[in-house]
Amino acid sequence: MIKDVKLNIEGLSCPDCSKKIEQALASQEGVKEAKVLFTTGVAKVKFDDGVIDLDKIISVINSFGFNVSD
């Protein structure tokens, strides 16, 4: 099933960081679309939850040193 989530990324203030997170998310199997807006600190992710789960998506963001809240 395809799901859409909006995640708040705490402390995101750099366009380069948002682009790197966006690319890392988009490269994950099961992620259909990823947009990360540094101006708002929001990640919008469309994914197939039969292939990838929300915990994995959050862990990708956490790997860049940011915390996520929903």
N, C-alpha and C. Protein backbone atom coordinates (compact mmCIF):
# COMPACT_ATOMS: atom_id res chain seq x y z
N MET A 1 0.84 -1.18 0.00
CA MET A 1 0.00 0.00 0.00
C MET A 1 0.88 1.24 0.00
N ILE A 2 0.55 2.20 -0.85
CA ILE A 2 1.31 3.44 -0.94
C ILE A 2 0.83 4.40 0.17
N LYS A 3 1.80 4.93 0.89
CA LYS A 3 1.49 5.88 1.97
C LYS A 3 2.23 7.18 1.73
N ASP A 4 1.63 8.26 2.22
CA ASP A 4 2.25 9.59 2.22
C ASP A 4 2.44 10.01 3.66
N VAL A 5 3.65 10.46 3.98
CA VAL A 5 3.90 10.98 5.33
C VAL A 5 4.58 12.33 5.24
N LYS A 6 4.36 13.11 6.26
CA LYS A 6 5.04 14.40 6.42
C LYS A 6 5.79 14.31 7.74
N LEU A 7 7.09 14.50 7.68
CA LEU A 7 7.93 14.39 8.87
C LEU A 7 8.64 15.71 9.13
N ASN A 8 8.66 16.13 10.37
CA ASN A 8 9.39 17.33 10.76
C ASN A 8 10.82 16.94 11.13
N ILE A 9 11.77 17.61 10.49
CA ILE A 9 13.18 17.34 10.75
C ILE A 9 13.71 18.49 11.60
N GLU A 10 14.08 18.18 12.82
CA GLU A 10 14.52 19.20 13.77
C GLU A 10 15.92 19.71 13.41
N GLY A 11 16.05 21.04 13.33
CA GLY A 11 17.34 21.66 13.11
C GLY A 11 17.80 21.74 11.67
N LEU A 12 16.97 21.37 10.74
CA LEU A 12 17.35 21.41 9.33
C LEU A 12 17.32 22.85 8.84
N SER A 13 18.47 23.38 8.44
CA SER A 13 18.52 24.77 8.01
C SER A 13 19.45 24.97 6.81
N CYS A 14 19.87 23.89 6.20
CA CYS A 14 20.87 23.96 5.14
C CYS A 14 20.32 23.33 3.86
N PRO A 15 20.33 24.05 2.74
CA PRO A 15 19.81 23.46 1.50
C PRO A 15 20.60 22.24 1.05
N ASP A 16 21.92 22.23 1.29
CA ASP A 16 22.72 21.07 0.90
C ASP A 16 22.32 19.83 1.71
N CYS A 17 22.07 20.02 3.00
CA CYS A 17 21.65 18.90 3.85
C CYS A 17 20.31 18.35 3.39
N SER A 18 19.39 19.24 3.08
CA SER A 18 18.07 18.78 2.65
C SER A 18 18.17 18.01 1.34
N LYS A 19 19.03 18.46 0.43
CA LYS A 19 19.21 17.77 -0.85
C LYS A 19 19.81 16.38 -0.65
N LYS A 20 20.80 16.28 0.26
CA LYS A 20 21.43 14.98 0.53
C LYS A 20 20.43 14.00 1.15
N ILE A 21 19.61 14.49 2.08
CA ILE A 21 18.59 13.63 2.69
C ILE A 21 17.58 13.20 1.64
N GLU A 22 17.15 14.14 0.81
CA GLU A 22 16.19 13.85 -0.25
C GLU A 22 16.73 12.76 -1.19
N GLN A 23 17.98 12.88 -1.60
CA GLN A 23 18.59 11.90 -2.49
C GLN A 23 18.72 10.54 -1.81
N ALA A 24 19.10 10.53 -0.54
CA ALA A 24 19.24 9.27 0.20
C ALA A 24 17.89 8.57 0.33
N LEU A 25 16.84 9.34 0.61
CA LEU A 25 15.51 8.75 0.71
C LEU A 25 15.05 8.21 -0.64
N ALA A 26 15.24 9.01 -1.69
CA ALA A 26 14.79 8.61 -3.03
C ALA A 26 15.49 7.34 -3.51
N SER A 27 16.69 7.08 -3.02
CA SER A 27 17.44 5.90 -3.46
C SER A 27 17.01 4.62 -2.75
N GLN A 28 16.18 4.74 -1.71
CA GLN A 28 15.72 3.57 -0.96
C GLN A 28 14.66 2.81 -1.76
N GLU A 29 14.81 1.50 -1.81
CA GLU A 29 13.81 0.68 -2.49
C GLU A 29 12.47 0.85 -1.79
N GLY A 30 11.43 1.13 -2.57
CA GLY A 30 10.10 1.31 -2.02
C GLY A 30 9.69 2.77 -1.87
N VAL A 31 10.67 3.69 -1.91
CA VAL A 31 10.34 5.11 -1.84
C VAL A 31 10.00 5.59 -3.25
N LYS A 32 8.79 6.10 -3.40
CA LYS A 32 8.30 6.54 -4.70
C LYS A 32 8.65 8.01 -4.96
N GLU A 33 8.64 8.81 -3.90
CA GLU A 33 8.91 10.24 -4.03
C GLU A 33 9.36 10.78 -2.68
N ALA A 34 10.34 11.69 -2.72
CA ALA A 34 10.82 12.32 -1.49
C ALA A 34 11.12 13.79 -1.78
N LYS A 35 10.57 14.65 -0.96
CA LYS A 35 10.84 16.08 -1.04
C LYS A 35 11.21 16.55 0.36
N VAL A 36 12.32 17.24 0.48
CA VAL A 36 12.76 17.77 1.77
C VAL A 36 12.95 19.28 1.60
N LEU A 37 12.18 20.04 2.35
CA LEU A 37 12.22 21.50 2.27
C LEU A 37 12.96 22.07 3.47
N PHE A 38 14.16 22.60 3.23
CA PHE A 38 14.94 23.12 4.35
C PHE A 38 14.29 24.37 4.95
N THR A 39 13.52 25.11 4.17
CA THR A 39 12.90 26.33 4.68
C THR A 39 11.87 26.04 5.77
N THR A 40 11.22 24.88 5.66
CA THR A 40 10.21 24.51 6.66
C THR A 40 10.67 23.36 7.55
N GLY A 41 11.75 22.67 7.15
CA GLY A 41 12.22 21.52 7.91
C GLY A 41 11.29 20.33 7.80
N VAL A 42 10.60 20.22 6.66
CA VAL A 42 9.62 19.15 6.47
C VAL A 42 10.06 18.23 5.34
N ALA A 43 9.95 16.93 5.60
CA ALA A 43 10.15 15.91 4.56
C ALA A 43 8.80 15.32 4.21
N LYS A 44 8.50 15.28 2.93
CA LYS A 44 7.28 14.64 2.45
C LYS A 44 7.73 13.41 1.67
N VAL A 45 7.27 12.25 2.11
CA VAL A 45 7.72 11.00 1.52
C VAL A 45 6.53 10.15 1.13
N LYS A 46 6.56 9.66 -0.10
CA LYS A 46 5.56 8.72 -0.59
C LYS A 46 6.28 7.38 -0.75
N PHE A 47 5.75 6.35 -0.10
CA PHE A 47 6.44 5.07 -0.11
C PHE A 47 5.48 3.89 -0.09
N ASP A 48 5.99 2.75 -0.51
CA ASP A 48 5.25 1.49 -0.49
C ASP A 48 5.58 0.79 0.82
N ASP A 49 4.60 0.74 1.74
CA ASP A 49 4.89 0.16 3.06
C ASP A 49 5.02 -1.36 3.04
N GLY A 50 4.80 -1.97 1.88
CA GLY A 50 5.08 -3.40 1.74
C GLY A 50 6.54 -3.66 1.44
N VAL A 51 7.27 -2.60 1.08
CA VAL A 51 8.68 -2.70 0.71
C VAL A 51 9.59 -2.05 1.75
N ILE A 52 9.19 -0.89 2.25
CA ILE A 52 9.98 -0.15 3.23
C ILE A 52 9.03 0.38 4.30
N ASP A 53 9.49 0.39 5.54
CA ASP A 53 8.62 0.91 6.61
C ASP A 53 9.09 2.28 7.08
N LEU A 54 8.23 2.92 7.83
CA LEU A 54 8.49 4.28 8.30
C LEU A 54 9.74 4.33 9.17
N ASP A 55 9.98 3.31 9.97
CA ASP A 55 11.18 3.30 10.83
C ASP A 55 12.46 3.38 10.00
N LYS A 56 12.49 2.72 8.86
CA LYS A 56 13.67 2.76 7.98
C LYS A 56 13.84 4.16 7.40
N ILE A 57 12.74 4.78 6.99
CA ILE A 57 12.80 6.13 6.45
C ILE A 57 13.35 7.09 7.50
N ILE A 58 12.85 6.96 8.72
CA ILE A 58 13.33 7.82 9.81
C ILE A 58 14.81 7.56 10.10
N SER A 59 15.23 6.30 10.04
CA SER A 59 16.64 5.99 10.32
C SER A 59 17.57 6.58 9.25
N VAL A 60 17.09 6.66 8.00
CA VAL A 60 17.90 7.31 6.95
C VAL A 60 18.11 8.78 7.31
N ILE A 61 17.06 9.45 7.73
CA ILE A 61 17.17 10.87 8.13
C ILE A 61 18.06 11.01 9.36
N ASN A 62 17.88 10.13 10.34
CA ASN A 62 18.70 10.17 11.56
C ASN A 62 20.18 9.97 11.24
N SER A 63 20.49 9.21 10.20
CA SER A 63 21.89 8.94 9.86
C SER A 63 22.64 10.21 9.46
N PHE A 64 21.90 11.28 9.14
CA PHE A 64 22.52 12.56 8.82
C PHE A 64 22.65 13.45 10.06
N GLY A 65 22.27 12.92 11.22
CA GLY A 65 22.42 13.65 12.48
C GLY A 65 21.23 14.50 12.86
N PHE A 66 20.08 14.26 12.23
CA PHE A 66 18.87 15.03 12.54
C PHE A 66 17.86 14.14 13.24
N ASN A 67 17.05 14.75 14.10
CA ASN A 67 15.95 14.05 14.76
C ASN A 67 14.67 14.32 13.99
N VAL A 68 13.77 13.34 14.03
CA VAL A 68 12.50 13.43 13.30
C VAL A 68 11.34 13.38 14.28
N SER A 69 10.36 14.23 14.02
CA SER A 69 9.09 14.15 14.75
C SER A 69 7.97 14.18 13.73
N ASP A 70 6.85 13.56 14.07
CA ASP A 70 5.75 13.54 13.08
C ASP A 70 4.55 14.31 13.54
